[in-house]
PDB file of N, CA and C in Angstrom:
ATOM      1  N   MET A   1       0.859  -1.084  -0.014  1.00  0.00           N
ATOM      2  CA  MET A   1      -0.233  -0.059   0.086  1.00  0.00           C
ATOM      3  C   MET A   1       0.944   1.371   0.230  1.00  0.00           C
ATOM      4  N   THR A   2       0.376   2.132  -0.587  1.00  0.00           N
ATOM      5  CA  THR A   2       1.323   3.736  -0.694  1.00  0.00           C
ATOM      6  C   THR A   2       0.730   4.336   0.753  1.00  0.00           C
ATOM      7  N   ASN A   3       1.689   5.350   0.939  1.00  0.00           N
ATOM      8  CA  ASN A   3       1.417   6.141   2.152  1.00  0.00           C
ATOM      9  C   ASN A   3       0.070   6.786   2.112  1.00  0.00           C
ATOM     10  N   ILE A   4      -0.343   7.104   0.455  1.00  0.00           N
ATOM     11  CA  ILE A   4      -1.801   7.926   0.523  1.00  0.00           C
ATOM     12  C   ILE A   4      -2.659   6.758   0.874  1.00  0.00           C
ATOM     13  N   GLU A   5      -2.809   5.580   0.435  1.00  0.00           N
ATOM     14  CA  GLU A   5      -3.562   4.513   0.812  1.00  0.00           C
ATOM     15  C   GLU A   5      -3.959   4.051   2.452  1.00  0.00           C
ATOM     16  N   ARG A   6      -2.402   4.408   2.893  1.00  0.00           N
ATOM     17  CA  ARG A   6      -2.444   4.358   4.418  1.00  0.00           C
ATOM     18  C   ARG A   6      -3.070   5.369   5.042  1.00  0.00           C
ATOM     19  N   ALA A   7      -2.928   6.554   4.311  1.00  0.00           N
ATOM     20  CA  ALA A   7      -3.553   7.692   5.026  1.00  0.00           C
ATOM     21  C   ALA A   7      -5.232   7.471   5.114  1.00  0.00           C
ATOM     22  N   MET A   8      -5.509   7.228   3.956  1.00  0.00           N
ATOM     23  CA  MET A   8      -7.029   6.684   3.726  1.00  0.00           C
ATOM     24  C   MET A   8      -7.387   5.740   4.778  1.00  0.00           C
ATOM     25  N   GLN A   9      -6.658   4.704   5.383  1.00  0.00           N
ATOM     26  CA  GLN A   9      -6.996   4.076   6.182  1.00  0.00           C
ATOM     27  C   GLN A   9      -7.159   4.793   7.784  1.00  0.00           C
ATOM     28  N   ILE A  10      -6.403   5.672   7.830  1.00  0.00           N
ATOM     29  CA  ILE A  10      -5.821   6.231   9.142  1.00  0.00           C
ATOM     30  C   ILE A  10      -6.997   7.186   9.728  1.00  0.00           C
ATOM     31  N   TRP A  11      -7.497   8.186   8.604  1.00  0.00           N
ATOM     32  CA  TRP A  11      -8.410   9.131   8.695  1.00  0.00           C
ATOM     33  C   TRP A  11      -9.523   8.483   9.576  1.00  0.00           C
ATOM     34  N   PRO A  12     -10.307   7.599   9.172  1.00  0.00           N
ATOM     35  CA  PRO A  12     -11.530   7.497  10.057  1.00  0.00           C
ATOM     36  C   PRO A  12     -11.037   6.899  11.189  1.00  0.00           C
ATOM     37  N   LEU A  13      -9.917   6.332  11.680  1.00  0.00           N
ATOM     38  CA  LEU A  13      -9.590   5.966  12.798  1.00  0.00           C
ATOM     39  C   LEU A  13      -9.225   7.361  13.641  1.00  0.00           C
ATOM     40  N   LEU A  14      -8.577   8.542  13.102  1.00  0.00           N
ATOM     41  CA  LEU A  14      -8.463   9.715  13.872  1.00  0.00           C
ATOM     42  C   LEU A  14      -9.938  10.313  13.895  1.00  0.00           C
ATOM     43  N   VAL A  15     -10.642  10.384  12.909  1.00  0.00           N
ATOM     44  CA  VAL A  15     -12.014  10.976  13.187  1.00  0.00           C
ATOM     45  C   VAL A  15     -12.845  10.127  14.419  1.00  0.00           C
ATOM     46  N   HIS A  16     -12.767   8.890  14.382  1.00  0.00           N
ATOM     47  CA  HIS A  16     -13.340   8.203  15.650  1.00  0.00           C
ATOM     48  C   HIS A  16     -12.818   8.612  16.922  1.00  0.00           C
ATOM     49  N   ALA A  17     -11.402   8.646  17.153  1.00  0.00           N
ATOM     50  CA  ALA A  17     -10.589   9.271  18.264  1.00  0.00           C
ATOM     51  C   ALA A  17     -11.088  10.751  18.599  1.00  0.00           C
ATOM     52  N   ALA A  18     -11.369  11.417  17.574  1.00  0.00           N
ATOM     53  CA  ALA A  18     -11.778  12.989  17.948  1.00  0.00           C
ATOM     54  C   ALA A  18     -13.191  12.882  18.546  1.00  0.00           C
ATOM     55  N   GLU A  19     -14.223  12.187  17.984  1.00  0.00           N
ATOM     56  CA  GLU A  19     -15.664  12.211  18.339  1.00  0.00           C
ATOM     57  C   GLU A  19     -15.656  11.746  19.826  1.00  0.00           C
ATOM     58  N   ARG A  20     -14.681  10.453  20.255  1.00  0.00           N
ATOM     59  CA  ARG A  20     -14.475  10.216  21.455  1.00  0.00           C
ATOM     60  C   ARG A  20     -13.742  10.967  22.427  1.00  0.00           C
ATOM     61  N   LYS A  21     -13.107  12.159  22.038  1.00  0.00           N
ATOM     62  CA  LYS A  21     -11.875  12.950  22.883  1.00  0.00           C
ATOM     63  C   LYS A  21     -10.409  12.136  23.129  1.00  0.00           C
ATOM     64  N   GLN A  22     -10.368  11.134  22.288  1.00  0.00           N
ATOM     65  CA  GLN A  22      -9.293  10.302  22.677  1.00  0.00           C
ATOM     66  C   GLN A  22      -7.802  10.428  21.745  1.00  0.00           C
ATOM     67  N   ILE A  23      -6.716  10.468  22.595  1.00  0.00           N
ATOM     68  CA  ILE A  23      -5.623  10.519  22.022  1.00  0.00           C
ATOM     69  C   ILE A  23      -4.943   9.501  21.849  1.00  0.00           C
ATOM     70  N   LEU A  24      -4.340   9.023  20.874  1.00  0.00           N
ATOM     71  CA  LEU A  24      -3.691   7.907  20.397  1.00  0.00           C
ATOM     72  C   LEU A  24      -2.237   7.907  20.273  1.00  0.00           C
ATOM     73  N   PHE A  25      -1.676   6.864  20.709  1.00  0.00           N
ATOM     74  CA  PHE A  25      -0.145   6.798  20.703  1.00  0.00           C
ATOM     75  C   PHE A  25       0.127   6.179  19.108  1.00  0.00           C
ATOM     76  N   TYR A  26       1.099   6.593  18.708  1.00  0.00           N
ATOM     77  CA  TYR A  26       1.823   6.016  17.457  1.00  0.00           C
ATOM     78  C   TYR A  26       1.904   4.468  17.202  1.00  0.00           C
ATOM     79  N   GLY A  27       2.439   3.785  18.325  1.00  0.00           N
ATOM     80  CA  GLY A  27       2.309   2.322  18.244  1.00  0.00           C
ATOM     81  C   GLY A  27       1.089   1.682  17.879  1.00  0.00           C
ATOM     82  N   ASP A  28       0.069   2.444  18.846  1.00  0.00           N
ATOM     83  CA  ASP A  28      -1.455   1.759  18.785  1.00  0.00           C
ATOM     84  C   ASP A  28      -2.110   1.937  17.216  1.00  0.00           C
ATOM     85  N   VAL A  29      -1.814   2.999  16.541  1.00  0.00           N
ATOM     86  CA  VAL A  29      -2.006   3.326  15.290  1.00  0.00           C
ATOM     87  C   VAL A  29      -1.666   2.387  14.277  1.00  0.00           C
ATOM     88  N   ALA A  30      -0.108   2.176  14.316  1.00  0.00           N
ATOM     89  CA  ALA A  30       0.519   1.430  13.772  1.00  0.00           C
ATOM     90  C   ALA A  30      -0.196  -0.039  13.902  1.00  0.00           C
ATOM     91  N   ARG A  31      -0.519  -0.553  14.961  1.00  0.00           N
ATOM     92  CA  ARG A  31      -1.099  -1.710  15.058  1.00  0.00           C
ATOM     93  C   ARG A  31      -2.601  -1.764  14.405  1.00  0.00           C
ATOM     94  N   TYR A  32      -3.184  -0.742  14.700  1.00  0.00           N
ATOM     95  CA  TYR A  32      -4.725  -0.797  14.058  1.00  0.00           C
ATOM     96  C   TYR A  32      -4.747  -0.984  12.439  1.00  0.00           C
ATOM     97  N   ILE A  33      -3.727  -0.275  11.982  1.00  0.00           N
ATOM     98  CA  ILE A  33      -3.597  -0.438  10.313  1.00  0.00           C
ATOM     99  C   ILE A  33      -2.568  -1.560   9.942  1.00  0.00           C
ATOM    100  N   GLY A  34      -2.017  -2.522  10.736  1.00  0.00           N
ATOM    101  CA  GLY A  34      -1.505  -3.765  10.458  1.00  0.00           C
ATOM    102  C   GLY A  34      -0.160  -3.633  10.080  1.00  0.00           C
ATOM    103  N   LEU A  35       0.593  -2.202  10.689  1.00  0.00           N
ATOM    104  CA  LEU A  35       1.878  -2.425  10.787  1.00  0.00           C
ATOM    105  C   LEU A  35       2.887  -2.835  11.948  1.00  0.00           C
ATOM    106  N   ARG A  36       3.826  -3.312  11.840  1.00  0.00           N
ATOM    107  CA  ARG A  36       4.907  -3.710  12.677  1.00  0.00           C
ATOM    108  C   ARG A  36       5.335  -2.633  13.716  1.00  0.00           C
ATOM    109  N   GLY A  37       5.946  -1.766  13.235  1.00  0.00           N
ATOM    110  CA  GLY A  37       6.180  -0.664  13.736  1.00  0.00           C
ATOM    111  C   GLY A  37       5.531   0.721  13.710  1.00  0.00           C
ATOM    112  N   ALA A  38       5.821   1.676  14.460  1.00  0.00           N
ATOM    113  CA  ALA A  38       5.358   3.155  14.101  1.00  0.00           C
ATOM    114  C   ALA A  38       6.251   4.018  13.389  1.00  0.00           C
ATOM    115  N   GLY A  39       7.544   3.665  12.895  1.00  0.00           N
ATOM    116  CA  GLY A  39       8.663   4.446  12.547  1.00  0.00           C
ATOM    117  C   GLY A  39       8.154   5.422  11.155  1.00  0.00           C
ATOM    118  N   VAL A  40       7.600   4.764  10.554  1.00  0.00           N
ATOM    119  CA  VAL A  40       7.028   5.169   9.090  1.00  0.00           C
ATOM    120  C   VAL A  40       5.692   5.982   9.273  1.00  0.00           C
ATOM    121  N   LEU A  41       4.952   6.008  10.095  1.00  0.00           N
ATOM    122  CA  LEU A  41       3.644   6.788  10.465  1.00  0.00           C
ATOM    123  C   LEU A  41       3.750   8.190   9.781  1.00  0.00           C
ATOM    124  N   GLY A  42       4.856   8.864  10.225  1.00  0.00           N
ATOM    125  CA  GLY A  42       4.873  10.184   9.906  1.00  0.00           C
ATOM    126  C   GLY A  42       4.620  10.375   8.473  1.00  0.00           C
ATOM    127  N   GLN A  43       4.999   9.568   7.500  1.00  0.00           N
ATOM    128  CA  GLN A  43       5.019   9.600   5.949  1.00  0.00           C
ATOM    129  C   GLN A  43       3.503   9.489   5.829  1.00  0.00           C
ATOM    130  N   MET A  44       2.655   8.673   6.404  1.00  0.00           N
ATOM    131  CA  MET A  44       1.154   8.536   6.240  1.00  0.00           C
ATOM    132  C   MET A  44       0.423   9.533   7.004  1.00  0.00           C
ATOM    133  N   LEU A  45       0.688  10.030   8.105  1.00  0.00           N
ATOM    134  CA  LEU A  45       0.069  11.320   8.918  1.00  0.00           C
ATOM    135  C   LEU A  45       0.397  12.493   7.997  1.00  0.00           C
ATOM    136  N   GLY A  46       1.502  12.876   7.343  1.00  0.00           N
ATOM    137  CA  GLY A  46       1.646  14.111   6.539  1.00  0.00           C
ATOM    138  C   GLY A  46       0.574  14.200   5.746  1.00  0.00           C
ATOM    139  N   PRO A  47       0.253  13.429   4.695  1.00  0.00           N
ATOM    140  CA  PRO A  47      -1.006  13.810   3.907  1.00  0.00           C
ATOM    141  C   PRO A  47      -2.028  14.433   4.724  1.00  0.00           C
ATOM    142  N   ILE A  48      -2.635  13.765   5.593  1.00  0.00           N
ATOM    143  CA  ILE A  48      -3.722  14.041   6.345  1.00  0.00           C
ATOM    144  C   ILE A  48      -3.266  15.521   7.099  1.00  0.00           C
ATOM    145  N   MET A  49      -2.298  15.695   7.652  1.00  0.00           N
ATOM    146  CA  MET A  49      -1.890  17.030   8.111  1.00  0.00           C
ATOM    147  C   MET A  49      -1.988  18.071   7.223  1.00  0.00           C
ATOM    148  N   HIS A  50      -1.318  17.517   5.937  1.00  0.00           N
ATOM    149  CA  HIS A  50      -1.495  18.915   4.772  1.00  0.00           C
ATOM    150  C   HIS A  50      -2.857  19.219   4.464  1.00  0.00           C
ATOM    151  N   TYR A  51      -3.683  18.099   4.143  1.00  0.00           N
ATOM    152  CA  TYR A  51      -5.249  18.290   4.033  1.00  0.00           C
ATOM    153  C   TYR A  51      -5.915  19.134   4.957  1.00  0.00           C
ATOM    154  N   CYS A  52      -5.730  18.826   5.973  1.00  0.00           N
ATOM    155  CA  CYS A  52      -6.556  19.719   6.917  1.00  0.00           C
ATOM    156  C   CYS A  52      -5.822  21.039   7.083  1.00  0.00           C
ATOM    157  N   GLN A  53      -4.774  21.366   6.730  1.00  0.00           N
ATOM    158  CA  GLN A  53      -4.249  22.726   6.778  1.00  0.00           C
ATOM    159  C   GLN A  53      -4.690  23.701   5.416  1.00  0.00           C
ATOM    160  N   GLN A  54      -4.548  22.546   4.480  1.00  0.00           N
ATOM    161  CA  GLN A  54      -5.093  23.453   3.211  1.00  0.00           C
ATOM    162  C   GLN A  54      -6.753  23.650   3.191  1.00  0.00           C
ATOM    163  N   HIS A  55      -7.483  23.059   3.848  1.00  0.00           N
ATOM    164  CA  HIS A  55      -8.796  23.026   4.133  1.00  0.00           C
ATOM    165  C   HIS A  55      -9.308  23.480   5.130  1.00  0.00           C
ATOM    166  N   GLU A  56      -8.572  24.262   5.811  1.00  0.00           N
ATOM    167  CA  GLU A  56      -8.623  24.830   7.166  1.00  0.00           C
ATOM    168  C   GLU A  56      -9.569  24.378   8.276  1.00  0.00           C
ATOM    169  N   LEU A  57      -9.049  22.950   8.509  1.00  0.00           N
ATOM    170  CA  LEU A  57      -9.743  22.198   9.408  1.00  0.00           C
ATOM    171  C   LEU A  57      -8.691  22.095  10.318  1.00  0.00           C
ATOM    172  N   PRO A  58      -9.342  21.761  11.641  1.00  0.00           N
ATOM    173  CA  PRO A  58      -8.168  21.610  12.943  1.00  0.00           C
ATOM    174  C   PRO A  58      -7.433  20.338  12.736  1.00  0.00           C
ATOM    175  N   PRO A  59      -6.113  20.712  13.157  1.00  0.00           N
ATOM    176  CA  PRO A  59      -5.185  19.194  12.715  1.00  0.00           C
ATOM    177  C   PRO A  59      -5.442  18.030  13.449  1.00  0.00           C
ATOM    178  N   LEU A  60      -6.042  17.359  12.513  1.00  0.00           N
ATOM    179  CA  LEU A  60      -6.369  15.973  13.012  1.00  0.00           C
ATOM    180  C   LEU A  60      -5.474  15.182  13.573  1.00  0.00           C
ATOM    181  N   THR A  61      -4.419  15.042  12.989  1.00  0.00           N
ATOM    182  CA  THR A  61      -3.211  14.624  13.289  1.00  0.00           C
ATOM    183  C   THR A  61      -2.551  14.585  14.582  1.00  0.00           C
ATOM    184  N   VAL A  62      -2.758  15.784  15.408  1.00  0.00           N
ATOM    185  CA  VAL A  62      -2.424  16.229  16.826  1.00  0.00           C
ATOM    186  C   VAL A  62      -2.733  15.203  17.528  1.00  0.00           C
ATOM    187  N   LEU A  63      -3.981  14.515  17.467  1.00  0.00           N
ATOM    188  CA  LEU A  63      -4.116  13.251  18.137  1.00  0.00           C
ATOM    189  C   LEU A  63      -3.128  12.168  18.270  1.00  0.00           C
ATOM    190  N   VAL A  64      -2.034  11.902  17.430  1.00  0.00           N
ATOM    191  CA  VAL A  64      -1.252  11.094  17.583  1.00  0.00           C
ATOM    192  C   VAL A  64       0.018  11.621  18.135  1.00  0.00           C
ATOM    193  N   VAL A  65       0.123  10.639  19.303  1.00  0.00           N
ATOM    194  CA  VAL A  65       1.514  11.427  20.037  1.00  0.00           C
ATOM    195  C   VAL A  65       2.353  10.517  20.412  1.00  0.00           C
ATOM    196  N   ASN A  66       3.585  10.556  20.966  1.00  0.00           N
ATOM    197  CA  ASN A  66       4.403   9.697  21.413  1.00  0.00           C
ATOM    198  C   ASN A  66       4.013   9.362  22.754  1.00  0.00           C
ATOM    199  N   GLN A  67       4.172   7.952  23.164  1.00  0.00           N
ATOM    200  CA  GLN A  67       3.979   7.533  24.218  1.00  0.00           C
ATOM    201  C   GLN A  67       4.777   8.236  25.302  1.00  0.00           C
ATOM    202  N   ASP A  68       5.871   8.262  25.364  1.00  0.00           N
ATOM    203  CA  ASP A  68       6.882   8.873  26.056  1.00  0.00           C
ATOM    204  C   ASP A  68       6.463  10.326  26.828  1.00  0.00           C
ATOM    205  N   ASP A  69       6.315  11.186  25.784  1.00  0.00           N
ATOM    206  CA  ASP A  69       6.127  12.545  26.372  1.00  0.00           C
ATOM    207  C   ASP A  69       4.543  13.168  25.922  1.00  0.00           C
ATOM    208  N   GLY A  70       3.699  12.068  25.313  1.00  0.00           N
ATOM    209  CA  GLY A  70       2.615  12.748  24.863  1.00  0.00           C
ATOM    210  C   GLY A  70       2.212  14.007  23.801  1.00  0.00           C
ATOM    211  N   VAL A  71       3.432  14.244  23.303  1.00  0.00           N
ATOM    212  CA  VAL A  71       3.201  15.067  22.051  1.00  0.00           C
ATOM    213  C   VAL A  71       3.723  14.451  20.733  1.00  0.00           C
ATOM    214  N   PRO A  72       2.880  15.075  19.629  1.00  0.00           N
ATOM    215  CA  PRO A  72       3.191  14.689  18.232  1.00  0.00           C
ATOM    216  C   PRO A  72       4.862  14.596  18.017  1.00  0.00           C
ATOM    217  N   GLY A  73       5.124  13.803  17.078  1.00  0.00           N
ATOM    218  CA  GLY A  73       6.715  13.991  16.651  1.00  0.00           C
ATOM    219  C   GLY A  73       6.829  15.263  16.068  1.00  0.00           C
ATOM    220  N   GLU A  74       8.602  15.353  15.811  1.00  0.00           N
ATOM    221  CA  GLU A  74       8.661  16.385  15.019  1.00  0.00           C
ATOM    222  C   GLU A  74       8.583  16.877  13.719  1.00  0.00           C
ATOM    223  N   GLY A  75       7.608  15.993  12.910  1.00  0.00           N
ATOM    224  CA  GLY A  75       7.277  16.271  11.682  1.00  0.00           C
ATOM    225  C   GLY A  75       5.870  16.752  12.056  1.00  0.00           C
ATOM    226  N   PHE A  76       5.001  16.748  13.123  1.00  0.00           N
ATOM    227  CA  PHE A  76       3.885  17.468  13.314  1.00  0.00           C
ATOM    228  C   PHE A  76       4.438  18.895  13.048  1.00  0.00           C
ATOM    229  N   THR A  77       3.684  19.915  12.100  1.00  0.00           N
ATOM    230  CA  THR A  77       4.170  21.311  12.019  1.00  0.00           C
ATOM    231  C   THR A  77       2.941  22.054  12.151  1.00  0.00           C
ATOM    232  N   ALA A  78       1.708  21.531  12.117  1.00  0.00           N
ATOM    233  CA  ALA A  78       0.305  22.089  11.997  1.00  0.00           C
ATOM    234  C   ALA A  78       0.103  22.989  13.530  1.00  0.00           C
ATOM    235  N   ALA A  79       0.575  22.837  14.164  1.00  0.00           N
ATOM    236  CA  ALA A  79       0.239  23.839  15.385  1.00  0.00           C
ATOM    237  C   ALA A  79       1.214  23.874  16.340  1.00  0.00           C
ATOM    238  N   GLY A  80       1.532  24.929  17.081  1.00  0.00           N
ATOM    239  CA  GLY A  80       2.703  24.923  17.943  1.00  0.00           C
ATOM    240  C   GLY A  80       1.993  24.652  19.378  1.00  0.00           C
ATOM    241  N   ASP A  81       0.701  25.077  19.817  1.00  0.00           N
ATOM    242  CA  ASP A  81       0.283  24.884  21.105  1.00  0.00           C
ATOM    243  C   ASP A  81      -0.559  23.456  20.966  1.00  0.00           C
ATOM    244  N   VAL A  82       0.120  22.226  21.230  1.00  0.00           N
ATOM    245  CA  VAL A  82      -0.517  21.181  21.182  1.00  0.00           C
ATOM    246  C   VAL A  82      -1.778  20.705  21.974  1.00  0.00           C
ATOM    247  N   PRO A  83      -1.727  21.086  23.047  1.00  0.00           N
ATOM    248  CA  PRO A  83      -3.220  21.146  23.468  1.00  0.00           C
ATOM    249  C   PRO A  83      -4.386  21.991  23.214  1.00  0.00           C
ATOM    250  N   ALA A  84      -3.955  23.029  22.747  1.00  0.00           N
ATOM    251  CA  ALA A  84      -5.210  23.910  22.328  1.00  0.00           C
ATOM    252  C   ALA A  84      -5.717  23.442  20.786  1.00  0.00           C
ATOM    253  N   ALA A  85      -4.532  22.707  19.974  1.00  0.00           N
ATOM    254  CA  ALA A  85      -4.891  22.185  18.690  1.00  0.00           C
ATOM    255  C   ALA A  85      -5.845  20.923  19.128  1.00  0.00           C
ATOM    256  N   GLN A  86      -5.618  20.341  19.886  1.00  0.00           N
ATOM    257  CA  GLN A  86      -6.353  19.131  20.511  1.00  0.00           C
ATOM    258  C   GLN A  86      -7.603  19.320  20.773  1.00  0.00           C
ATOM    259  N   ALA A  87      -7.946  20.395  21.371  1.00  0.00           N
ATOM    260  CA  ALA A  87      -9.146  20.957  21.961  1.00  0.00           C
ATOM    261  C   ALA A  87     -10.097  21.404  20.743  1.00  0.00           C
ATOM    262  N   ARG A  88      -9.269  21.935  19.765  1.00  0.00           N
ATOM    263  CA  ARG A  88      -9.786  22.371  18.571  1.00  0.00           C
ATOM    264  C   ARG A  88     -10.372  21.302  17.717  1.00  0.00           C
ATOM    265  N   VAL A  89      -9.597  20.140  17.706  1.00  0.00           N
ATOM    266  CA  VAL A  89     -10.104  18.808  16.963  1.00  0.00           C
ATOM    267  C   VAL A  89     -11.275  18.313  17.708  1.00  0.00           C
ATOM    268  N   PHE A  90     -11.265  18.065  18.806  1.00  0.00           N
ATOM    269  CA  PHE A  90     -12.456  17.695  19.845  1.00  0.00           C
ATOM    270  C   PHE A  90     -13.617  18.316  19.634  1.00  0.00           C
ATOM    271  N   ARG A  91     -13.634  19.714  19.527  1.00  0.00           N
ATOM    272  CA  ARG A  91     -14.960  20.337  19.418  1.00  0.00           C
ATOM    273  C   ARG A  91     -15.327  20.362  17.691  1.00  0.00           C
ATOM    274  N   HIS A  92     -14.335  20.155  17.158  1.00  0.00           N
ATOM    275  CA  HIS A  92     -14.780  20.096  15.520  1.00  0.00           C
ATOM    276  C   HIS A  92     -16.090  19.073  15.034  1.00  0.00           C
ATOM    277  N   ASP A  93     -16.884  19.334  14.436  1.00  0.00           N
ATOM    278  CA  ASP A  93     -17.914  18.325  13.954  1.00  0.00           C
ATOM    279  C   ASP A  93     -17.753  17.514  12.676  1.00  0.00           C
ATOM    280  N   TRP A  94     -16.717  16.373  12.919  1.00  0.00           N
ATOM    281  CA  TRP A  94     -15.959  15.626  11.742  1.00  0.00           C
ATOM    282  C   TRP A  94     -17.114  15.057  10.863  1.00  0.00           C
ATOM    283  N   ARG A  95     -18.225  14.930  11.582  1.00  0.00           N
ATOM    284  CA  ARG A  95     -19.321  14.330  10.492  1.00  0.00           C
ATOM    285  C   ARG A  95     -19.840  15.028   9.459  1.00  0.00           C
ATOM    286  N   ARG A  96     -19.572  16.245   9.601  1.00  0.00           N
ATOM    287  CA  ARG A  96     -19.667  17.257   8.379  1.00  0.00           C
ATOM    288  C   ARG A  96     -18.365  17.030   7.327  1.00  0.00           C
ATOM    289  N   VAL A  97     -17.451  16.436   7.734  1.00  0.00           N
ATOM    290  CA  VAL A  97     -16.215  16.546   6.888  1.00  0.00           C
ATOM    291  C   VAL A  97     -16.311  14.961   6.036  1.00  0.00           C
ATOM    292  N   ALA A  98     -16.490  14.983   4.834  1.00  0.00           N
ATOM    293  CA  ALA A  98     -16.220  13.690   4.120  1.00  0.00           C
ATOM    294  C   ALA A  98     -14.617  13.370   4.208  1.00  0.00           C
ATOM    295  N   CYS A  99     -14.634  12.026   4.206  1.00  0.00           N
ATOM    296  CA  CYS A  99     -13.199  11.465   4.305  1.00  0.00           C
ATOM    297  C   CYS A  99     -12.639  11.718   2.886  1.00  0.00           C
ATOM    298  N   PRO A 100     -11.464  12.572   2.630  1.00  0.00           N
ATOM    299  CA  PRO A 100     -10.965  12.621   1.533  1.00  0.00           C
ATOM    300  C   PRO A 100     -10.426  11.557   0.871  1.00  0.00           C
ATOM    301  N   GLY A 101     -10.521  11.647  -0.531  1.00  0.00           N
ATOM    302  CA  GLY A 101     -10.027  10.456  -1.422  1.00  0.00           C
ATOM    303  C   GLY A 101      -8.774  10.780  -1.569  1.00  0.00           C
ATOM    304  N   ALA A 102      -8.115   9.445  -2.208  1.00  0.00           N
ATOM    305  CA  ALA A 102      -6.923   9.571  -2.575  1.00  0.00           C
ATOM    306  C   ALA A 102      -6.324  10.812  -3.165  1.00  0.00           C
ATOM    307  N   GLN A 103      -7.188  11.296  -4.119  1.00  0.00           N
ATOM    308  CA  GLN A 103      -6.787  12.356  -5.003  1.00  0.00           C
ATOM    309  C   GLN A 103      -6.572  13.593  -4.366  1.00  0.00           C
ATOM    310  N   ASP A 104      -7.230  13.899  -3.337  1.00  0.00           N
ATOM    311  CA  ASP A 104      -7.480  15.052  -2.221  1.00  0.00           C
ATOM    312  C   ASP A 104      -6.185  14.880  -1.668  1.00  0.00           C
ATOM    313  N   ARG A 105      -5.759  13.935  -1.045  1.00  0.00           N
ATOM    314  CA  ARG A 105      -4.671  13.807  -0.199  1.00  0.00           C
ATOM    315  C   ARG A 105      -3.261  14.169  -0.896  1.00  0.00           C
ATOM    316  N   ALA A 106      -3.344  13.291  -1.995  1.00  0.00           N
ATOM    317  CA  ALA A 106      -1.957  13.333  -2.911  1.00  0.00           C
ATOM    318  C   ALA A 106      -1.912  14.930  -3.371  1.00  0.00           C
ATOM    319  N   ALA A 107      -3.207  15.548  -3.633  1.00  0.00           N
ATOM    320  CA  ALA A 107      -2.855  17.025  -4.058  1.00  0.00           C
ATOM    321  C   ALA A 107      -2.452  17.861  -2.912  1.00  0.00           C
ATOM    322  N   ALA A 108      -3.157  17.353  -1.529  1.00  0.00           N
ATOM    323  CA  ALA A 108      -2.593  18.210  -0.384  1.00  0.00           C
ATOM    324  C   ALA A 108      -1.021  18.233  -0.334  1.00  0.00           C
ATOM    325  N   VAL A 109      -0.505  16.692  -0.404  1.00  0.00           N
ATOM    326  CA  VAL A 109       1.029  16.456  -0.349  1.00  0.00           C
ATOM    327  C   VAL A 109       1.686  17.372  -1.265  1.00  0.00           C
ATOM    328  N   ARG A 110       1.384  17.736  -2.560  1.00  0.00           N
ATOM    329  CA  ARG A 110       1.927  18.492  -3.420  1.00  0.00           C
ATOM    330  C   ARG A 110       1.579  20.010  -3.228  1.00  0.00           C
ATOM    331  N   GLY A 111       0.654  20.267  -2.572  1.00  0.00           N
ATOM    332  CA  GLY A 111       0.451  21.790  -2.256  1.00  0.00           C
ATOM    333  C   GLY A 111      -0.410  22.197  -3.588  1.00  0.00           C
ATOM    334  N   VAL A 112      -1.098  21.409  -3.846  1.00  0.00           N
ATOM    335  CA  VAL A 112      -1.870  21.918  -5.030  1.00  0.00           C
ATOM    336  C   VAL A 112      -3.672  21.489  -5.026  1.00  0.00           C
ATOM    337  N   GLY A 113      -4.415  21.966  -5.728  1.00  0.00           N
ATOM    338  CA  GLY A 113      -5.761  21.246  -5.589  1.00  0.00           C
ATOM    339  C   GLY A 113      -6.115  19.810  -6.220  1.00  0.00           C
ATOM    340  N   PRO A 114      -7.086  19.431  -5.783  1.00  0.00           N
ATOM    341  CA  PRO A 114      -7.164  17.536  -6.224  1.00  0.00           C
ATOM    342  C   PRO A 114      -7.103  17.908  -7.753  1.00  0.00           C
ATOM    343  N   GLU A 115      -6.684  16.986  -8.485  1.00  0.00           N
ATOM    344  CA  GLU A 115      -6.405  16.636  -9.965  1.00  0.00           C
ATOM    345  C   GLU A 115      -7.838  16.053 -10.435  1.00  0.00           C
ATOM    346  N   PRO A 116      -8.315  16.400 -11.617  1.00  0.00           N
ATOM    347  CA  PRO A 116      -9.572  15.736 -11.981  1.00  0.00           C
ATOM    348  C   PRO A 116      -9.428  14.446 -12.316  1.00  0.00           C
ATOM    349  N   GLU A 117     -10.324  13.286 -11.950  1.00  0.00           N
ATOM    350  CA  GLU A 117      -9.877  12.065 -12.176  1.00  0.00           C
ATOM    351  C   GLU A 117     -10.801  11.514 -13.638  1.00  0.00           C
ATOM    352  N   GLU A 118     -10.018  10.715 -14.350  1.00  0.00           N
ATOM    353  CA  GLU A 118     -10.951  10.235 -15.474  1.00  0.00           C
ATOM    354  C   GLU A 118     -11.879   9.140 -15.192  1.00  0.00           C
ATOM    355  N   GLY A 119     -12.771   9.282 -16.113  1.00  0.00           N
ATOM    356  CA  GLY A 119     -14.044   8.438 -15.963  1.00  0.00           C
ATOM    357  C   GLY A 119     -14.437   7.825 -14.812  1.00  0.00           C
ATOM    358  N   GLY A 120     -14.453   8.995 -13.904  1.00  0.00           N
ATOM    359  CA  GLY A 120     -15.682   8.831 -12.629  1.00  0.00           C
ATOM    360  C   GLY A 120     -15.158   9.513 -11.320  1.00  0.00           C
ATOM    361  N   THR A 121     -15.987   9.209 -10.512  1.00  0.00           N
ATOM    362  CA  THR A 121     -15.477   9.846  -8.912  1.00  0.00           C
ATOM    363  C   THR A 121     -14.532   8.956  -8.391  1.00  0.00           C
ATOM    364  N   ASP A 122     -14.466   9.231  -7.128  1.00  0.00           N
ATOM    365  CA  ASP A 122     -13.173   8.831  -6.138  1.00  0.00           C
ATOM    366  C   ASP A 122     -14.144   8.200  -4.739  1.00  0.00           C
ATOM    367  N   ASP A 123     -15.453   7.937  -4.917  1.00  0.00           N
ATOM    368  CA  ASP A 123     -16.095   6.980  -4.270  1.00  0.00           C
ATOM    369  C   ASP A 123     -15.777   5.607  -4.003  1.00  0.00           C
TER     370      ASP A 123
END
């Protein structure tokens, strides 16, 4: 699976955690999506972080933290005040936000709008 496809697996997990006001550890997220280790999760969380930034959404990936210190890894750049960002994520109504498709997340990583798809929708 690509990092974008993994990000699509992680999105609903993060929304579920946000709705329940839960913080997740990197290792737990890795296990939930079938990975043996959490070392590569940053590459999978990055597209979600960028998507949220570009669509002016609270930084959903702020919910994933290191077990040792309770803060996101160094690749998380969407907010300086982590507790305040987590509170914004918890307050947001994520049911009103559709799970973005692969094209949306890929475009977020590149910093451009989504590319039109050939022959249909991304449902």
